[in-house]
């Protein structure tokens, strides 16, 4: 996977996790994370609870170890690397955030039209 694709995937995970955590959890803290990918350092600032931060770290680890090029969507991957329990948690989180982001885009679209 190219570094640009990796950065894009990291930003997507960040956005989805922060949205879910902000809506569902308390005790949100500021976190700094430095990821290394292809000898490049990527700094990520996050606002998450400890539970979401642990799951996001797991997701970052899976992402950085992905052997596929081009990287498929995790749900269609022929060789899934997530443990079953973590996969269920991440899938639920991504579904919630995806729907919420989709609805907010629709809301903005209709506000713009009127």
C-alpha atoms as a PDB file:
ATOM      1  CA  UNK A   1       0.000   0.000   0.000  1.00  0.00           C
ATOM      2  CA  UNK A   2       1.306   3.447  -0.869  1.00  0.00           C
ATOM      3  CA  UNK A   3       1.966   5.969   1.918  1.00  0.00           C
ATOM      4  CA  UNK A   4      -0.794   8.291   0.652  1.00  0.00           C
ATOM      5  CA  UNK A   5      -3.324   5.458   0.806  1.00  0.00           C
ATOM      6  CA  UNK A   6      -2.132   4.574   4.313  1.00  0.00           C
ATOM      7  CA  UNK A   7      -2.554   8.208   5.458  1.00  0.00           C
ATOM      8  CA  UNK A   8      -6.038   8.304   3.937  1.00  0.00           C
ATOM      9  CA  UNK A   9      -7.000   5.089   5.745  1.00  0.00           C
ATOM     10  CA  UNK A  10      -5.638   6.487   9.028  1.00  0.00           C
ATOM     11  CA  UNK A  11      -7.710   9.673   8.626  1.00  0.00           C
ATOM     12  CA  UNK A  12     -10.830   7.633   7.859  1.00  0.00           C
ATOM     13  CA  UNK A  13     -10.347   5.521  10.988  1.00  0.00           C
ATOM     14  CA  UNK A  14      -9.696   8.667  13.048  1.00  0.00           C
ATOM     15  CA  UNK A  15     -12.873  10.364  11.808  1.00  0.00           C
ATOM     16  CA  UNK A  16     -15.091   7.320  12.353  1.00  0.00           C
ATOM     17  CA  UNK A  17     -13.703   6.479  15.803  1.00  0.00           C
ATOM     18  CA  UNK A  18     -13.897  10.078  17.078  1.00  0.00           C
ATOM     19  CA  UNK A  19     -17.490  10.492  15.878  1.00  0.00           C
ATOM     20  CA  UNK A  20     -18.595   7.252  17.521  1.00  0.00           C
ATOM     21  CA  UNK A  21     -16.730   7.958  20.761  1.00  0.00           C
ATOM     22  CA  UNK A  22     -18.041  11.527  21.018  1.00  0.00           C
ATOM     23  CA  UNK A  23     -21.646  10.310  20.665  1.00  0.00           C
ATOM     24  CA  UNK A  24     -21.460   7.131  22.750  1.00  0.00           C
ATOM     25  CA  UNK A  25     -18.812   7.513  25.464  1.00  0.00           C
ATOM     26  CA  UNK A  26     -17.621   9.772  28.245  1.00  0.00           C
ATOM     27  CA  UNK A  27     -14.160  10.391  29.709  1.00  0.00           C
ATOM     28  CA  UNK A  28     -12.764  11.464  26.349  1.00  0.00           C
ATOM     29  CA  UNK A  29      -9.095  12.417  26.500  1.00  0.00           C
ATOM     30  CA  UNK A  30      -6.545  13.878  24.132  1.00  0.00           C
ATOM     31  CA  UNK A  31      -4.137  11.291  22.745  1.00  0.00           C
ATOM     32  CA  UNK A  32      -1.115  11.595  20.488  1.00  0.00           C
ATOM     33  CA  UNK A  33      -0.069   8.668  18.356  1.00  0.00           C
ATOM     34  CA  UNK A  34       2.932   8.343  16.093  1.00  0.00           C
ATOM     35  CA  UNK A  35       2.651   5.738  13.369  1.00  0.00           C
ATOM     36  CA  UNK A  36       5.548   4.462  11.313  1.00  0.00           C
ATOM     37  CA  UNK A  37       4.865   3.291   7.792  1.00  0.00           C
ATOM     38  CA  UNK A  38       7.500   2.696   5.101  1.00  0.00           C
ATOM     39  CA  UNK A  39      10.085   4.614   7.159  1.00  0.00           C
ATOM     40  CA  UNK A  40       7.748   7.606   7.357  1.00  0.00           C
ATOM     41  CA  UNK A  41       6.463   8.986  10.648  1.00  0.00           C
ATOM     42  CA  UNK A  42       2.814  10.031  10.798  1.00  0.00           C
ATOM     43  CA  UNK A  43       1.545  11.985  13.806  1.00  0.00           C
ATOM     44  CA  UNK A  44      -2.125  11.653  14.700  1.00  0.00           C
ATOM     45  CA  UNK A  45      -3.962  13.702  17.335  1.00  0.00           C
ATOM     46  CA  UNK A  46      -7.038  11.973  18.739  1.00  0.00           C
ATOM     47  CA  UNK A  47      -9.886  12.687  21.148  1.00  0.00           C
ATOM     48  CA  UNK A  48     -11.049   9.290  22.414  1.00  0.00           C
ATOM     49  CA  UNK A  49     -11.871   7.368  25.570  1.00  0.00           C
ATOM     50  CA  UNK A  50      -9.430   4.656  26.635  1.00  0.00           C
ATOM     51  CA  UNK A  51     -11.628   1.832  25.291  1.00  0.00           C
ATOM     52  CA  UNK A  52     -11.836   3.384  21.811  1.00  0.00           C
ATOM     53  CA  UNK A  53      -8.136   4.223  21.858  1.00  0.00           C
ATOM     54  CA  UNK A  54      -7.287   0.577  22.551  1.00  0.00           C
ATOM     55  CA  UNK A  55      -9.475  -0.595  19.667  1.00  0.00           C
ATOM     56  CA  UNK A  56      -8.073   2.086  17.353  1.00  0.00           C
ATOM     57  CA  UNK A  57      -4.505   1.037  18.202  1.00  0.00           C
ATOM     58  CA  UNK A  58      -5.479  -2.509  17.260  1.00  0.00           C
ATOM     59  CA  UNK A  59      -6.920  -1.218  13.960  1.00  0.00           C
ATOM     60  CA  UNK A  60      -3.783   0.812  13.231  1.00  0.00           C
ATOM     61  CA  UNK A  61      -1.677  -2.303  13.834  1.00  0.00           C
ATOM     62  CA  UNK A  62      -3.813  -4.338  11.429  1.00  0.00           C
ATOM     63  CA  UNK A  63      -3.679  -1.552   8.832  1.00  0.00           C
ATOM     64  CA  UNK A  64       0.092  -1.166   8.987  1.00  0.00           C
ATOM     65  CA  UNK A  65       0.563  -4.937   8.587  1.00  0.00           C
ATOM     66  CA  UNK A  66      -1.826  -5.288   5.627  1.00  0.00           C
ATOM     67  CA  UNK A  67       0.019  -7.319   2.956  1.00  0.00           C
ATOM     68  CA  UNK A  68      -2.316  -6.415   0.078  1.00  0.00           C
ATOM     69  CA  UNK A  69      -1.539  -3.926  -2.667  1.00  0.00           C
ATOM     70  CA  UNK A  70      -3.943  -2.487  -3.540  1.00  0.00           C
ATOM     71  CA  UNK A  71      -5.569  -2.769  -0.141  1.00  0.00           C
ATOM     72  CA  UNK A  72      -9.126  -4.148  -0.319  1.00  0.00           C
ATOM     73  CA  UNK A  73     -11.875  -3.085   2.042  1.00  0.00           C
ATOM     74  CA  UNK A  74     -11.459  -5.105   5.205  1.00  0.00           C
ATOM     75  CA  UNK A  75     -14.964  -6.549   4.945  1.00  0.00           C
ATOM     76  CA  UNK A  76     -14.174  -8.005   1.498  1.00  0.00           C
ATOM     77  CA  UNK A  77     -10.628  -9.128   2.274  1.00  0.00           C
ATOM     78  CA  UNK A  78      -9.845 -12.725   1.257  1.00  0.00           C
ATOM     79  CA  UNK A  79      -7.521 -13.135   4.274  1.00  0.00           C
ATOM     80  CA  UNK A  80      -9.017 -11.246   7.243  1.00  0.00           C
ATOM     81  CA  UNK A  81      -6.529 -10.312   9.952  1.00  0.00           C
ATOM     82  CA  UNK A  82      -8.939  -9.037  12.633  1.00  0.00           C
ATOM     83  CA  UNK A  83      -9.835 -11.310  15.539  1.00  0.00           C
ATOM     84  CA  UNK A  84     -13.558 -12.064  15.508  1.00  0.00           C
ATOM     85  CA  UNK A  85     -14.454 -10.030  18.620  1.00  0.00           C
ATOM     86  CA  UNK A  86     -12.471  -6.976  17.509  1.00  0.00           C
ATOM     87  CA  UNK A  87     -13.960  -7.265  14.027  1.00  0.00           C
ATOM     88  CA  UNK A  88     -17.485  -7.140  15.478  1.00  0.00           C
ATOM     89  CA  UNK A  89     -16.649  -4.053  17.543  1.00  0.00           C
ATOM     90  CA  UNK A  90     -15.028  -2.214  14.630  1.00  0.00           C
ATOM     91  CA  UNK A  91     -17.815  -3.182  12.206  1.00  0.00           C
ATOM     92  CA  UNK A  92     -20.471  -1.865  14.607  1.00  0.00           C
ATOM     93  CA  UNK A  93     -18.530   1.365  15.120  1.00  0.00           C
ATOM     94  CA  UNK A  94     -17.940   1.873  11.380  1.00  0.00           C
ATOM     95  CA  UNK A  95     -21.606   1.200  10.590  1.00  0.00           C
ATOM     96  CA  UNK A  96     -22.773   3.751  13.167  1.00  0.00           C
ATOM     97  CA  UNK A  97     -20.329   6.433  12.030  1.00  0.00           C
ATOM     98  CA  UNK A  98     -20.903   5.737   8.332  1.00  0.00           C
ATOM     99  CA  UNK A  99     -24.653   6.172   8.694  1.00  0.00           C
ATOM    100  CA  UNK A 100     -24.214   9.302  10.801  1.00  0.00           C
ATOM    101  CA  UNK A 101     -21.764  10.862   8.322  1.00  0.00           C
ATOM    102  CA  UNK A 102     -24.041   9.944   5.415  1.00  0.00           C
ATOM    103  CA  UNK A 103     -27.036  11.549   7.088  1.00  0.00           C
ATOM    104  CA  UNK A 104     -25.099  14.715   7.902  1.00  0.00           C
ATOM    105  CA  UNK A 105     -24.021  14.994   4.245  1.00  0.00           C
ATOM    106  CA  UNK A 106     -27.659  14.631   3.143  1.00  0.00           C
ATOM    107  CA  UNK A 107     -28.733  17.238   5.674  1.00  0.00           C
ATOM    108  CA  UNK A 108     -26.114  19.695   4.380  1.00  0.00           C
ATOM    109  CA  UNK A 109     -27.140  18.940   0.780  1.00  0.00           C
ATOM    110  CA  UNK A 110     -30.797  19.753   1.418  1.00  0.00           C
ATOM    111  CA  UNK A 111     -29.968  22.852   3.470  1.00  0.00           C
ATOM    112  CA  UNK A 112     -27.869  24.078   0.547  1.00  0.00           C
ATOM    113  CA  UNK A 113     -30.706  23.495  -1.965  1.00  0.00           C
ATOM    114  CA  UNK A 114     -33.361  25.404   0.005  1.00  0.00           C
END
